[in-house]
PDB file of N, CA and C in Angstrom:
ATOM      1  N   MET A   1      25.650 209.670 -71.042  1.00  0.00           N
ATOM      2  CA  MET A   1      25.345 211.611 -71.215  1.00  0.00           C
ATOM      3  C   MET A   1      24.338 211.662 -70.050  1.00  0.00           C
ATOM      4  N   CYS A   2      24.364 212.172 -69.159  1.00  0.00           N
ATOM      5  CA  CYS A   2      23.779 212.549 -68.243  1.00  0.00           C
ATOM      6  C   CYS A   2      23.649 214.340 -68.289  1.00  0.00           C
ATOM      7  N   ILE A   3      22.228 214.253 -68.343  1.00  0.00           N
ATOM      8  CA  ILE A   3      21.929 216.040 -68.395  1.00  0.00           C
ATOM      9  C   ILE A   3      20.799 216.330 -67.135  1.00  0.00           C
ATOM     10  N   CYS A   4      20.861 215.381 -66.304  1.00  0.00           N
ATOM     11  CA  CYS A   4      19.989 215.684 -64.917  1.00  0.00           C
ATOM     12  C   CYS A   4      20.369 216.911 -64.194  1.00  0.00           C
ATOM     13  N   LYS A   5      19.053 217.311 -63.873  1.00  0.00           N
ATOM     14  CA  LYS A   5      19.512 218.732 -62.757  1.00  0.00           C
ATOM     15  C   LYS A   5      20.113 218.328 -61.568  1.00  0.00           C
ATOM     16  N   CYS A   6      21.305 218.659 -61.228  1.00  0.00           N
ATOM     17  CA  CYS A   6      21.696 218.764 -59.854  1.00  0.00           C
ATOM     18  C   CYS A   6      20.836 218.710 -58.743  1.00  0.00           C
ATOM     19  N   ASN A   7      20.623 217.218 -58.009  1.00  0.00           N
ATOM     20  CA  ASN A   7      19.627 217.077 -57.097  1.00  0.00           C
ATOM     21  C   ASN A   7      20.388 217.571 -55.608  1.00  0.00           C
ATOM     22  N   ILE A   8      19.616 219.009 -55.145  1.00  0.00           N
ATOM     23  CA  ILE A   8      20.160 219.996 -54.496  1.00  0.00           C
ATOM     24  C   ILE A   8      19.090 220.247 -53.171  1.00  0.00           C
ATOM     25  N   ARG A   9      18.125 219.886 -53.742  1.00  0.00           N
ATOM     26  CA  ARG A   9      17.001 219.975 -52.906  1.00  0.00           C
ATOM     27  C   ARG A   9      16.442 218.213 -52.098  1.00  0.00           C
ATOM     28  N   SER A  10      16.174 218.135 -51.202  1.00  0.00           N
ATOM     29  CA  SER A  10      15.982 216.472 -50.485  1.00  0.00           C
ATOM     30  C   SER A  10      14.161 216.683 -51.017  1.00  0.00           C
ATOM     31  N   LEU A  11      13.632 217.833 -50.954  1.00  0.00           N
ATOM     32  CA  LEU A  11      12.184 217.730 -51.472  1.00  0.00           C
ATOM     33  C   LEU A  11      12.230 217.271 -53.050  1.00  0.00           C
ATOM     34  N   ASP A  12      12.840 217.109 -53.916  1.00  0.00           N
ATOM     35  CA  ASP A  12      13.147 216.404 -54.510  1.00  0.00           C
ATOM     36  C   ASP A  12      12.595 214.927 -54.593  1.00  0.00           C
ATOM     37  N   TRP A  13      13.425 214.590 -53.526  1.00  0.00           N
ATOM     38  CA  TRP A  13      13.215 213.083 -52.918  1.00  0.00           C
ATOM     39  C   TRP A  13      12.180 212.755 -52.328  1.00  0.00           C
ATOM     40  N   ASN A  14      10.888 213.719 -52.542  1.00  0.00           N
ATOM     41  CA  ASN A  14      10.452 213.529 -51.196  1.00  0.00           C
ATOM     42  C   ASN A  14      10.610 213.166 -50.170  1.00  0.00           C
ATOM     43  N   ASN A  15      11.514 213.862 -49.427  1.00  0.00           N
ATOM     44  CA  ASN A  15      12.424 213.834 -48.142  1.00  0.00           C
ATOM     45  C   ASN A  15      12.309 215.087 -47.436  1.00  0.00           C
ATOM     46  N   PRO A  16      11.220 215.875 -47.451  1.00  0.00           N
ATOM     47  CA  PRO A  16      11.112 217.671 -46.914  1.00  0.00           C
ATOM     48  C   PRO A  16      11.719 217.617 -45.523  1.00  0.00           C
ATOM     49  N   ASP A  17      12.223 217.104 -44.472  1.00  0.00           N
ATOM     50  CA  ASP A  17      12.981 217.058 -43.305  1.00  0.00           C
ATOM     51  C   ASP A  17      13.955 216.841 -43.730  1.00  0.00           C
ATOM     52  N   GLY A  18      14.820 216.179 -45.171  1.00  0.00           N
ATOM     53  CA  GLY A  18      15.979 216.034 -45.068  1.00  0.00           C
ATOM     54  C   GLY A  18      17.189 217.841 -45.745  1.00  0.00           C
ATOM     55  N   ILE A  19      18.266 217.400 -45.205  1.00  0.00           N
ATOM     56  CA  ILE A  19      19.034 218.526 -46.043  1.00  0.00           C
ATOM     57  C   ILE A  19      19.687 218.208 -46.906  1.00  0.00           C
ATOM     58  N   LYS A  20      19.286 218.843 -48.378  1.00  0.00           N
ATOM     59  CA  LYS A  20      19.596 218.644 -49.515  1.00  0.00           C
ATOM     60  C   LYS A  20      20.030 216.768 -49.418  1.00  0.00           C
ATOM     61  N   CYS A  21      21.415 216.609 -50.027  1.00  0.00           N
ATOM     62  CA  CYS A  21      21.830 215.130 -50.362  1.00  0.00           C
ATOM     63  C   CYS A  21      22.298 214.471 -48.755  1.00  0.00           C
ATOM     64  N   SER A  22      22.471 215.136 -47.834  1.00  0.00           N
ATOM     65  CA  SER A  22      22.956 214.945 -46.590  1.00  0.00           C
ATOM     66  C   SER A  22      22.274 213.618 -45.719  1.00  0.00           C
ATOM     67  N   LYS A  23      22.699 213.187 -45.339  1.00  0.00           N
ATOM     68  CA  LYS A  23      22.595 211.419 -44.699  1.00  0.00           C
ATOM     69  C   LYS A  23      21.703 210.676 -45.824  1.00  0.00           C
ATOM     70  N   GLU A  24      21.551 211.090 -46.629  1.00  0.00           N
ATOM     71  CA  GLU A  24      21.123 209.873 -47.992  1.00  0.00           C
ATOM     72  C   GLU A  24      21.785 208.688 -48.365  1.00  0.00           C
ATOM     73  N   THR A  25      21.232 207.540 -47.743  1.00  0.00           N
ATOM     74  CA  THR A  25      21.961 206.351 -47.935  1.00  0.00           C
ATOM     75  C   THR A  25      21.141 205.537 -48.322  1.00  0.00           C
ATOM     76  N   ALA A  26      20.002 205.495 -49.416  1.00  0.00           N
ATOM     77  CA  ALA A  26      19.498 204.433 -50.060  1.00  0.00           C
ATOM     78  C   ALA A  26      19.102 205.340 -51.269  1.00  0.00           C
ATOM     79  N   PRO A  27      19.342 204.572 -52.214  1.00  0.00           N
ATOM     80  CA  PRO A  27      18.767 204.780 -54.075  1.00  0.00           C
ATOM     81  C   PRO A  27      17.365 205.308 -53.466  1.00  0.00           C
ATOM     82  N   VAL A  28      16.725 205.934 -54.404  1.00  0.00           N
ATOM     83  CA  VAL A  28      15.291 206.079 -54.648  1.00  0.00           C
ATOM     84  C   VAL A  28      15.033 205.104 -55.275  1.00  0.00           C
ATOM     85  N   LEU A  29      13.918 204.018 -54.218  1.00  0.00           N
ATOM     86  CA  LEU A  29      13.441 202.962 -54.293  1.00  0.00           C
ATOM     87  C   LEU A  29      12.068 202.878 -55.450  1.00  0.00           C
ATOM     88  N   ASN A  30      11.148 203.852 -54.491  1.00  0.00           N
ATOM     89  CA  ASN A  30       9.819 203.964 -55.480  1.00  0.00           C
ATOM     90  C   ASN A  30      10.044 204.305 -56.887  1.00  0.00           C
ATOM     91  N   MET A  31       9.865 203.732 -57.816  1.00  0.00           N
ATOM     92  CA  MET A  31       9.975 204.201 -59.250  1.00  0.00           C
ATOM     93  C   MET A  31       8.669 204.371 -60.442  1.00  0.00           C
ATOM     94  N   THR A  32       7.958 204.486 -59.586  1.00  0.00           N
ATOM     95  CA  THR A  32       6.571 204.328 -60.005  1.00  0.00           C
ATOM     96  C   THR A  32       6.147 205.347 -60.800  1.00  0.00           C
ATOM     97  N   THR A  33       6.426 206.392 -59.677  1.00  0.00           N
ATOM     98  CA  THR A  33       6.037 207.992 -60.040  1.00  0.00           C
ATOM     99  C   THR A  33       7.917 208.576 -60.417  1.00  0.00           C
ATOM    100  N   PRO A  34       7.570 208.761 -61.108  1.00  0.00           N
ATOM    101  CA  PRO A  34       8.420 209.782 -62.266  1.00  0.00           C
ATOM    102  C   PRO A  34       9.105 210.791 -61.186  1.00  0.00           C
ATOM    103  N   LEU A  35      10.509 211.025 -60.849  1.00  0.00           N
ATOM    104  CA  LEU A  35      10.972 212.234 -60.322  1.00  0.00           C
ATOM    105  C   LEU A  35      10.381 213.456 -60.946  1.00  0.00           C
ATOM    106  N   ASN A  36      10.819 214.597 -60.042  1.00  0.00           N
ATOM    107  CA  ASN A  36      10.475 215.491 -60.643  1.00  0.00           C
ATOM    108  C   ASN A  36      11.595 216.966 -59.778  1.00  0.00           C
ATOM    109  N   VAL A  37      12.698 215.957 -60.804  1.00  0.00           N
ATOM    110  CA  VAL A  37      13.717 217.294 -60.279  1.00  0.00           C
ATOM    111  C   VAL A  37      14.365 218.453 -61.117  1.00  0.00           C
ATOM    112  N   GLY A  38      13.712 218.377 -62.256  1.00  0.00           N
ATOM    113  CA  GLY A  38      14.353 219.561 -63.077  1.00  0.00           C
ATOM    114  C   GLY A  38      14.769 219.342 -64.496  1.00  0.00           C
ATOM    115  N   THR A  39      14.372 218.051 -64.551  1.00  0.00           N
ATOM    116  CA  THR A  39      15.721 217.469 -65.526  1.00  0.00           C
ATOM    117  C   THR A  39      14.893 217.956 -66.921  1.00  0.00           C
ATOM    118  N   ASP A  40      15.392 218.685 -68.142  1.00  0.00           N
ATOM    119  CA  ASP A  40      14.817 218.937 -69.175  1.00  0.00           C
ATOM    120  C   ASP A  40      14.634 218.094 -70.685  1.00  0.00           C
ATOM    121  N   SER A  41      13.408 217.499 -70.855  1.00  0.00           N
ATOM    122  CA  SER A  41      13.583 215.906 -71.310  1.00  0.00           C
ATOM    123  C   SER A  41      13.640 216.261 -72.868  1.00  0.00           C
ATOM    124  N   ARG A  42      13.490 217.797 -73.286  1.00  0.00           N
ATOM    125  CA  ARG A  42      13.648 218.405 -74.490  1.00  0.00           C
ATOM    126  C   ARG A  42      15.212 217.909 -74.509  1.00  0.00           C
ATOM    127  N   LEU A  43      15.814 218.148 -73.978  1.00  0.00           N
ATOM    128  CA  LEU A  43      17.270 218.026 -74.587  1.00  0.00           C
ATOM    129  C   LEU A  43      17.855 217.167 -74.595  1.00  0.00           C
ATOM    130  N   LEU A  44      16.609 215.244 -73.948  1.00  0.00           N
ATOM    131  CA  LEU A  44      17.437 214.314 -74.573  1.00  0.00           C
ATOM    132  C   LEU A  44      16.805 214.207 -75.980  1.00  0.00           C
ATOM    133  N   VAL A  45      15.716 214.910 -76.527  1.00  0.00           N
ATOM    134  CA  VAL A  45      15.058 214.972 -77.868  1.00  0.00           C
ATOM    135  C   VAL A  45      16.188 215.153 -78.441  1.00  0.00           C
ATOM    136  N   VAL A  46      16.871 216.461 -78.446  1.00  0.00           N
ATOM    137  CA  VAL A  46      17.809 217.288 -78.988  1.00  0.00           C
ATOM    138  C   VAL A  46      19.053 216.470 -79.058  1.00  0.00           C
ATOM    139  N   GLU A  47      19.083 215.481 -78.498  1.00  0.00           N
ATOM    140  CA  GLU A  47      20.417 214.864 -78.365  1.00  0.00           C
ATOM    141  C   GLU A  47      20.444 213.765 -79.001  1.00  0.00           C
ATOM    142  N   ALA A  48      19.207 213.237 -79.039  1.00  0.00           N
ATOM    143  CA  ALA A  48      19.293 211.757 -80.203  1.00  0.00           C
ATOM    144  C   ALA A  48      19.029 212.379 -81.823  1.00  0.00           C
ATOM    145  N   ASN A  49      17.954 213.457 -82.169  1.00  0.00           N
ATOM    146  CA  ASN A  49      17.990 214.116 -83.035  1.00  0.00           C
ATOM    147  C   ASN A  49      19.329 214.904 -83.939  1.00  0.00           C
ATOM    148  N   VAL A  50      20.505 215.248 -82.576  1.00  0.00           N
ATOM    149  CA  VAL A  50      21.753 215.514 -83.622  1.00  0.00           C
ATOM    150  C   VAL A  50      22.815 214.235 -83.913  1.00  0.00           C
ATOM    151  N   THR A  51      22.640 213.588 -82.799  1.00  0.00           N
ATOM    152  CA  THR A  51      23.607 212.219 -82.891  1.00  0.00           C
ATOM    153  C   THR A  51      23.113 211.069 -84.414  1.00  0.00           C
ATOM    154  N   GLN A  52      21.842 210.845 -83.892  1.00  0.00           N
ATOM    155  CA  GLN A  52      21.294 210.419 -85.591  1.00  0.00           C
ATOM    156  C   GLN A  52      21.671 210.813 -86.519  1.00  0.00           C
ATOM    157  N   SER A  53      21.595 212.067 -86.496  1.00  0.00           N
ATOM    158  CA  SER A  53      21.965 212.938 -88.191  1.00  0.00           C
ATOM    159  C   SER A  53      23.391 213.310 -88.700  1.00  0.00           C
ATOM    160  N   MET A  54      24.171 212.511 -87.638  1.00  0.00           N
ATOM    161  CA  MET A  54      25.792 212.921 -87.703  1.00  0.00           C
ATOM    162  C   MET A  54      26.195 211.778 -88.789  1.00  0.00           C
ATOM    163  N   ASN A  55      27.382 212.456 -89.830  1.00  0.00           N
ATOM    164  CA  ASN A  55      27.849 211.458 -90.567  1.00  0.00           C
ATOM    165  C   ASN A  55      29.054 210.002 -89.981  1.00  0.00           C
ATOM    166  N   VAL A  56      29.309 210.709 -88.972  1.00  0.00           N
ATOM    167  CA  VAL A  56      29.961 209.561 -88.107  1.00  0.00           C
ATOM    168  C   VAL A  56      29.793 208.736 -87.232  1.00  0.00           C
ATOM    169  N   PRO A  57      29.377 207.486 -86.926  1.00  0.00           N
ATOM    170  CA  PRO A  57      28.196 207.020 -85.968  1.00  0.00           C
ATOM    171  C   PRO A  57      28.827 207.621 -84.762  1.00  0.00           C
ATOM    172  N   VAL A  58      27.616 207.944 -83.773  1.00  0.00           N
ATOM    173  CA  VAL A  58      27.463 208.417 -82.457  1.00  0.00           C
ATOM    174  C   VAL A  58      26.689 207.929 -82.279  1.00  0.00           C
ATOM    175  N   TYR A  59      26.677 206.860 -80.386  1.00  0.00           N
ATOM    176  CA  TYR A  59      25.806 206.378 -79.834  1.00  0.00           C
ATOM    177  C   TYR A  59      25.507 207.299 -78.592  1.00  0.00           C
ATOM    178  N   LEU A  60      24.779 207.060 -78.116  1.00  0.00           N
ATOM    179  CA  LEU A  60      23.888 208.066 -76.968  1.00  0.00           C
ATOM    180  C   LEU A  60      23.744 207.060 -76.033  1.00  0.00           C
ATOM    181  N   LEU A  61      24.525 207.103 -74.920  1.00  0.00           N
ATOM    182  CA  LEU A  61      24.502 206.172 -73.836  1.00  0.00           C
ATOM    183  C   LEU A  61      23.282 207.062 -72.425  1.00  0.00           C
ATOM    184  N   ASN A  62      22.251 207.029 -72.567  1.00  0.00           N
ATOM    185  CA  ASN A  62      21.373 208.104 -71.398  1.00  0.00           C
ATOM    186  C   ASN A  62      21.775 207.639 -69.936  1.00  0.00           C
ATOM    187  N   ILE A  63      22.070 208.465 -69.389  1.00  0.00           N
ATOM    188  CA  ILE A  63      22.357 207.363 -67.719  1.00  0.00           C
ATOM    189  C   ILE A  63      21.518 208.561 -67.439  1.00  0.00           C
ATOM    190  N   THR A  64      20.637 209.521 -67.355  1.00  0.00           N
ATOM    191  CA  THR A  64      20.070 210.684 -66.834  1.00  0.00           C
ATOM    192  C   THR A  64      18.866 209.699 -65.660  1.00  0.00           C
ATOM    193  N   THR A  65      18.305 208.935 -65.935  1.00  0.00           N
ATOM    194  CA  THR A  65      17.359 208.713 -65.414  1.00  0.00           C
ATOM    195  C   THR A  65      18.039 207.719 -64.177  1.00  0.00           C
ATOM    196  N   LEU A  66      18.592 206.965 -64.625  1.00  0.00           N
ATOM    197  CA  LEU A  66      19.815 206.085 -63.600  1.00  0.00           C
ATOM    198  C   LEU A  66      20.129 207.316 -62.544  1.00  0.00           C
ATOM    199  N   SER A  67      20.795 208.363 -63.134  1.00  0.00           N
ATOM    200  CA  SER A  67      21.515 208.871 -62.084  1.00  0.00           C
ATOM    201  C   SER A  67      20.430 210.003 -61.024  1.00  0.00           C
ATOM    202  N   GLU A  68      19.710 210.287 -61.640  1.00  0.00           N
ATOM    203  CA  GLU A  68      18.238 211.084 -61.404  1.00  0.00           C
ATOM    204  C   GLU A  68      17.890 210.111 -59.711  1.00  0.00           C
ATOM    205  N   TYR A  69      17.906 208.623 -59.807  1.00  0.00           N
ATOM    206  CA  TYR A  69      17.452 207.992 -58.555  1.00  0.00           C
ATOM    207  C   TYR A  69      18.428 207.569 -57.598  1.00  0.00           C
ATOM    208  N   ARG A  70      19.944 207.756 -57.761  1.00  0.00           N
ATOM    209  CA  ARG A  70      21.175 207.761 -56.862  1.00  0.00           C
ATOM    210  C   ARG A  70      21.223 208.746 -55.830  1.00  0.00           C
ATOM    211  N   LYS A  71      20.543 209.338 -55.325  1.00  0.00           N
ATOM    212  CA  LYS A  71      20.272 210.374 -54.330  1.00  0.00           C
ATOM    213  C   LYS A  71      21.078 210.325 -53.403  1.00  0.00           C
ATOM    214  N   ASP A  72      21.545 208.645 -52.891  1.00  0.00           N
ATOM    215  CA  ASP A  72      22.654 208.552 -52.141  1.00  0.00           C
ATOM    216  C   ASP A  72      23.889 208.483 -52.492  1.00  0.00           C
ATOM    217  N   ALA A  73      24.394 208.388 -53.663  1.00  0.00           N
ATOM    218  CA  ALA A  73      25.509 208.398 -54.629  1.00  0.00           C
ATOM    219  C   ALA A  73      26.980 209.997 -54.420  1.00  0.00           C
ATOM    220  N   HIS A  74      26.037 211.112 -53.874  1.00  0.00           N
ATOM    221  CA  HIS A  74      26.891 212.221 -54.083  1.00  0.00           C
ATOM    222  C   HIS A  74      27.623 212.370 -52.902  1.00  0.00           C
ATOM    223  N   THR A  75      28.919 213.199 -52.872  1.00  0.00           N
ATOM    224  CA  THR A  75      29.395 213.420 -52.018  1.00  0.00           C
ATOM    225  C   THR A  75      29.154 213.558 -50.821  1.00  0.00           C
ATOM    226  N   SER A  76      28.374 214.328 -50.579  1.00  0.00           N
ATOM    227  CA  SER A  76      27.516 215.036 -49.253  1.00  0.00           C
ATOM    228  C   SER A  76      28.386 215.967 -48.865  1.00  0.00           C
ATOM    229  N   ILE A  77      28.809 215.644 -47.326  1.00  0.00           N
ATOM    230  CA  ILE A  77      29.909 216.727 -46.410  1.00  0.00           C
ATOM    231  C   ILE A  77      31.379 215.622 -46.648  1.00  0.00           C
ATOM    232  N   TYR A  78      30.836 215.047 -47.572  1.00  0.00           N
ATOM    233  CA  TYR A  78      32.453 214.019 -47.269  1.00  0.00           C
ATOM    234  C   TYR A  78      33.454 214.415 -48.666  1.00  0.00           C
ATOM    235  N   THR A  79      33.431 215.750 -48.597  1.00  0.00           N
ATOM    236  CA  THR A  79      33.842 216.296 -50.381  1.00  0.00           C
ATOM    237  C   THR A  79      35.031 217.421 -49.231  1.00  0.00           C
ATOM    238  N   THR A  80      35.973 217.904 -50.380  1.00  0.00           N
ATOM    239  CA  THR A  80      36.696 219.190 -50.443  1.00  0.00           C
ATOM    240  C   THR A  80      36.222 219.878 -50.779  1.00  0.00           C
ATOM    241  N   ARG A  81      37.211 221.083 -50.448  1.00  0.00           N
ATOM    242  CA  ARG A  81      37.295 222.731 -50.649  1.00  0.00           C
ATOM    243  C   ARG A  81      38.055 223.048 -50.591  1.00  0.00           C
ATOM    244  N   GLN A  82      38.976 223.839 -51.612  1.00  0.00           N
ATOM    245  CA  GLN A  82      39.804 224.061 -52.109  1.00  0.00           C
ATOM    246  C   GLN A  82      40.780 223.153 -51.428  1.00  0.00           C
ATOM    247  N   GLY A  83      41.022 222.154 -52.607  1.00  0.00           N
ATOM    248  CA  GLY A  83      41.848 220.877 -51.890  1.00  0.00           C
ATOM    249  C   GLY A  83      42.336 219.761 -50.125  1.00  0.00           C
ATOM    250  N   GLN A  84      41.128 220.290 -49.373  1.00  0.00           N
ATOM    251  CA  GLN A  84      40.974 220.071 -48.050  1.00  0.00           C
ATOM    252  C   GLN A  84      39.322 219.665 -47.961  1.00  0.00           C
ATOM    253  N   LEU A  85      39.806 218.697 -46.956  1.00  0.00           N
ATOM    254  CA  LEU A  85      38.533 218.088 -46.621  1.00  0.00           C
ATOM    255  C   LEU A  85      38.173 218.732 -45.529  1.00  0.00           C
ATOM    256  N   LEU A  86      36.650 219.074 -45.798  1.00  0.00           N
ATOM    257  CA  LEU A  86      36.062 219.710 -44.668  1.00  0.00           C
ATOM    258  C   LEU A  86      36.115 219.509 -43.555  1.00  0.00           C
ATOM    259  N   THR A  87      35.967 220.667 -42.707  1.00  0.00           N
ATOM    260  CA  THR A  87      36.265 220.401 -41.104  1.00  0.00           C
ATOM    261  C   THR A  87      34.742 219.844 -40.549  1.00  0.00           C
ATOM    262  N   GLU A  88      35.197 219.580 -39.145  1.00  0.00           N
ATOM    263  CA  GLU A  88      33.909 219.111 -38.599  1.00  0.00           C
ATOM    264  C   GLU A  88      32.671 219.969 -38.683  1.00  0.00           C
ATOM    265  N   GLU A  89      33.262 221.649 -38.044  1.00  0.00           N
ATOM    266  CA  GLU A  89      32.272 222.677 -37.865  1.00  0.00           C
ATOM    267  C   GLU A  89      31.904 222.249 -39.829  1.00  0.00           C
ATOM    268  N   GLN A  90      32.524 222.459 -40.342  1.00  0.00           N
ATOM    269  CA  GLN A  90      31.461 222.503 -42.320  1.00  0.00           C
ATOM    270  C   GLN A  90      30.691 220.764 -42.030  1.00  0.00           C
ATOM    271  N   GLN A  91      31.311 220.054 -41.899  1.00  0.00           N
ATOM    272  CA  GLN A  91      30.603 219.061 -41.841  1.00  0.00           C
ATOM    273  C   GLN A  91      29.405 219.090 -41.249  1.00  0.00           C
ATOM    274  N   ALA A  92      29.325 220.009 -39.794  1.00  0.00           N
ATOM    275  CA  ALA A  92      27.973 219.969 -39.432  1.00  0.00           C
ATOM    276  C   ALA A  92      27.103 220.478 -39.900  1.00  0.00           C
ATOM    277  N   ASP A  93      27.143 221.455 -40.995  1.00  0.00           N
ATOM    278  CA  ASP A  93      26.580 222.448 -41.721  1.00  0.00           C
ATOM    279  C   ASP A  93      25.984 221.905 -42.922  1.00  0.00           C
ATOM    280  N   PRO A  94      25.279 220.883 -43.464  1.00  0.00           N
ATOM    281  CA  PRO A  94      24.908 220.186 -44.771  1.00  0.00           C
ATOM    282  C   PRO A  94      24.647 221.294 -45.647  1.00  0.00           C
ATOM    283  N   LYS A  95      23.271 222.293 -45.501  1.00  0.00           N
ATOM    284  CA  LYS A  95      22.821 223.413 -45.904  1.00  0.00           C
ATOM    285  C   LYS A  95      23.764 224.460 -46.486  1.00  0.00           C
ATOM    286  N   ILE A  96      24.574 224.721 -45.960  1.00  0.00           N
ATOM    287  CA  ILE A  96      25.955 225.578 -46.842  1.00  0.00           C
ATOM    288  C   ILE A  96      27.073 224.667 -47.608  1.00  0.00           C
ATOM    289  N   TYR A  97      27.408 222.936 -46.973  1.00  0.00           N
ATOM    290  CA  TYR A  97      28.818 222.512 -47.581  1.00  0.00           C
ATOM    291  C   TYR A  97      27.907 221.295 -48.057  1.00  0.00           C
ATOM    292  N   ALA A  98      27.474 220.851 -47.616  1.00  0.00           N
ATOM    293  CA  ALA A  98      27.141 219.296 -48.861  1.00  0.00           C
ATOM    294  C   ALA A  98      27.534 219.868 -50.139  1.00  0.00           C
ATOM    295  N   ASP A  99      28.258 218.706 -50.582  1.00  0.00           N
ATOM    296  CA  ASP A  99      28.169 218.403 -52.656  1.00  0.00           C
ATOM    297  C   ASP A  99      27.476 218.029 -52.725  1.00  0.00           C
ATOM    298  N   CYS A 100      26.127 218.629 -53.449  1.00  0.00           N
ATOM    299  CA  CYS A 100      25.145 217.999 -53.834  1.00  0.00           C
ATOM    300  C   CYS A 100      25.235 217.620 -55.689  1.00  0.00           C
ATOM    301  N   ILE A 101      26.421 217.957 -56.362  1.00  0.00           N
ATOM    302  CA  ILE A 101      26.168 218.057 -57.287  1.00  0.00           C
ATOM    303  C   ILE A 101      26.770 217.399 -57.981  1.00  0.00           C
ATOM    304  N   HIS A 102      28.096 216.780 -57.463  1.00  0.00           N
ATOM    305  CA  HIS A 102      28.776 215.656 -58.175  1.00  0.00           C
ATOM    306  C   HIS A 102      28.361 214.509 -56.930  1.00  0.00           C
ATOM    307  N   TRP A 103      29.225 213.492 -58.100  1.00  0.00           N
ATOM    308  CA  TRP A 103      29.047 211.887 -57.406  1.00  0.00           C
ATOM    309  C   TRP A 103      30.412 210.959 -56.853  1.00  0.00           C
ATOM    310  N   CYS A 104      30.413 210.696 -56.443  1.00  0.00           N
ATOM    311  CA  CYS A 104      31.720 209.718 -55.632  1.00  0.00           C
ATOM    312  C   CYS A 104      31.730 208.863 -56.012  1.00  0.00           C
ATOM    313  N   LEU A 105      32.972 207.804 -55.822  1.00  0.00           N
ATOM    314  CA  LEU A 105      33.024 206.638 -56.043  1.00  0.00           C
ATOM    315  C   LEU A 105      32.999 205.505 -54.987  1.00  0.00           C
ATOM    316  N   PRO A 106      32.836 204.535 -54.389  1.00  0.00           N
ATOM    317  CA  PRO A 106      32.007 203.628 -55.317  1.00  0.00           C
ATOM    318  C   PRO A 106      30.596 204.355 -55.521  1.00  0.00           C
ATOM    319  N   GLY A 107      30.260 203.387 -56.224  1.00  0.00           N
ATOM    320  CA  GLY A 107      28.587 203.803 -56.607  1.00  0.00           C
ATOM    321  C   GLY A 107      28.085 204.484 -58.136  1.00  0.00           C
ATOM    322  N   LEU A 108      27.787 205.743 -58.216  1.00  0.00           N
ATOM    323  CA  LEU A 108      27.435 205.580 -59.818  1.00  0.00           C
ATOM    324  C   LEU A 108      28.197 205.817 -61.020  1.00  0.00           C
ATOM    325  N   PRO A 109      28.512 206.327 -60.887  1.00  0.00           N
ATOM    326  CA  PRO A 109      30.571 206.249 -61.827  1.00  0.00           C
ATOM    327  C   PRO A 109      30.621 205.023 -62.202  1.00  0.00           C
ATOM    328  N   ASP A 110      30.600 204.311 -61.217  1.00  0.00           N
ATOM    329  CA  ASP A 110      31.073 202.987 -61.389  1.00  0.00           C
ATOM    330  C   ASP A 110      30.057 202.224 -62.467  1.00  0.00           C
ATOM    331  N   THR A 111      28.954 202.705 -61.748  1.00  0.00           N
ATOM    332  CA  THR A 111      27.877 201.708 -62.935  1.00  0.00           C
ATOM    333  C   THR A 111      28.198 202.399 -64.239  1.00  0.00           C
ATOM    334  N   TRP A 112      28.083 204.349 -64.824  1.00  0.00           N
ATOM    335  CA  TRP A 112      27.939 204.107 -65.705  1.00  0.00           C
ATOM    336  C   TRP A 112      29.124 203.628 -66.510  1.00  0.00           C
ATOM    337  N   ASN A 113      30.758 203.462 -65.726  1.00  0.00           N
ATOM    338  CA  ASN A 113      31.707 202.743 -66.431  1.00  0.00           C
ATOM    339  C   ASN A 113      30.795 201.602 -67.229  1.00  0.00           C
ATOM    340  N   GLU A 114      30.540 200.355 -66.127  1.00  0.00           N
ATOM    341  CA  GLU A 114      30.308 199.171 -66.631  1.00  0.00           C
ATOM    342  C   GLU A 114      28.862 199.551 -67.810  1.00  0.00           C
ATOM    343  N   PHE A 115      28.099 200.070 -67.641  1.00  0.00           N
ATOM    344  CA  PHE A 115      27.556 200.305 -68.973  1.00  0.00           C
ATOM    345  C   PHE A 115      28.351 200.454 -70.138  1.00  0.00           C
ATOM    346  N   LEU A 116      29.224 201.963 -70.073  1.00  0.00           N
ATOM    347  CA  LEU A 116      30.008 201.922 -71.635  1.00  0.00           C
ATOM    348  C   LEU A 116      31.147 201.093 -71.922  1.00  0.00           C
ATOM    349  N   TYR A 117      31.750 200.155 -70.855  1.00  0.00           N
ATOM    350  CA  TYR A 117      32.648 199.033 -71.011  1.00  0.00           C
ATOM    351  C   TYR A 117      31.579 197.883 -71.598  1.00  0.00           C
ATOM    352  N   THR A 118      30.362 197.198 -70.913  1.00  0.00           N
ATOM    353  CA  THR A 118      29.658 196.409 -71.999  1.00  0.00           C
ATOM    354  C   THR A 118      29.036 196.978 -73.220  1.00  0.00           C
ATOM    355  N   HIS A 119      28.727 198.540 -73.950  1.00  0.00           N
ATOM    356  CA  HIS A 119      28.361 198.864 -74.272  1.00  0.00           C
ATOM    357  C   HIS A 119      29.380 198.758 -75.750  1.00  0.00           C
ATOM    358  N   ILE A 120      30.642 199.039 -74.961  1.00  0.00           N
ATOM    359  CA  ILE A 120      31.893 198.674 -75.866  1.00  0.00           C
ATOM    360  C   ILE A 120      32.361 197.261 -76.664  1.00  0.00           C
ATOM    361  N   ILE A 121      32.046 196.651 -75.115  1.00  0.00           N
ATOM    362  CA  ILE A 121      32.467 195.217 -75.793  1.00  0.00           C
ATOM    363  C   ILE A 121      31.553 194.617 -76.752  1.00  0.00           C
ATOM    364  N   SER A 122      30.564 195.067 -76.327  1.00  0.00           N
ATOM    365  CA  SER A 122      29.366 194.473 -77.484  1.00  0.00           C
ATOM    366  C   SER A 122      29.168 194.880 -79.027  1.00  0.00           C
ATOM    367  N   HIS A 123      30.279 195.913 -79.134  1.00  0.00           N
ATOM    368  CA  HIS A 123      29.917 196.511 -80.479  1.00  0.00           C
ATOM    369  C   HIS A 123      31.651 196.115 -81.043  1.00  0.00           C
ATOM    370  N   THR A 124      32.253 195.295 -80.276  1.00  0.00           N
ATOM    371  CA  THR A 124      33.754 195.191 -81.221  1.00  0.00           C
ATOM    372  C   THR A 124      33.373 193.932 -81.556  1.00  0.00           C
TER     373      THR A 124
END
């Protein structure tokens, strides 16, 4: 489960000259300083408490930090609006049209699936 804030500001990744997630081609590589992208870590504590207190076994796979560092995995200007690819004019205006909320394939969702698959296999 990822409860991270949608990274829509390039400043969140220490790129003040960037435009949202547009043209981001590499993940955050400096992991010595935690990112300040608005994730409310109190929600992680609540999740852990709730899942531990349930009568039915529930496993929490926390992918929040992993997701925050993958600024390059957003669809950016290669997205659709109302089922249509963005026009060239729209792609030229990432400040308005870049989709920095969703993650695209291949990339981060593939990693989530690998973690989930490994977790399932290791518990069977």
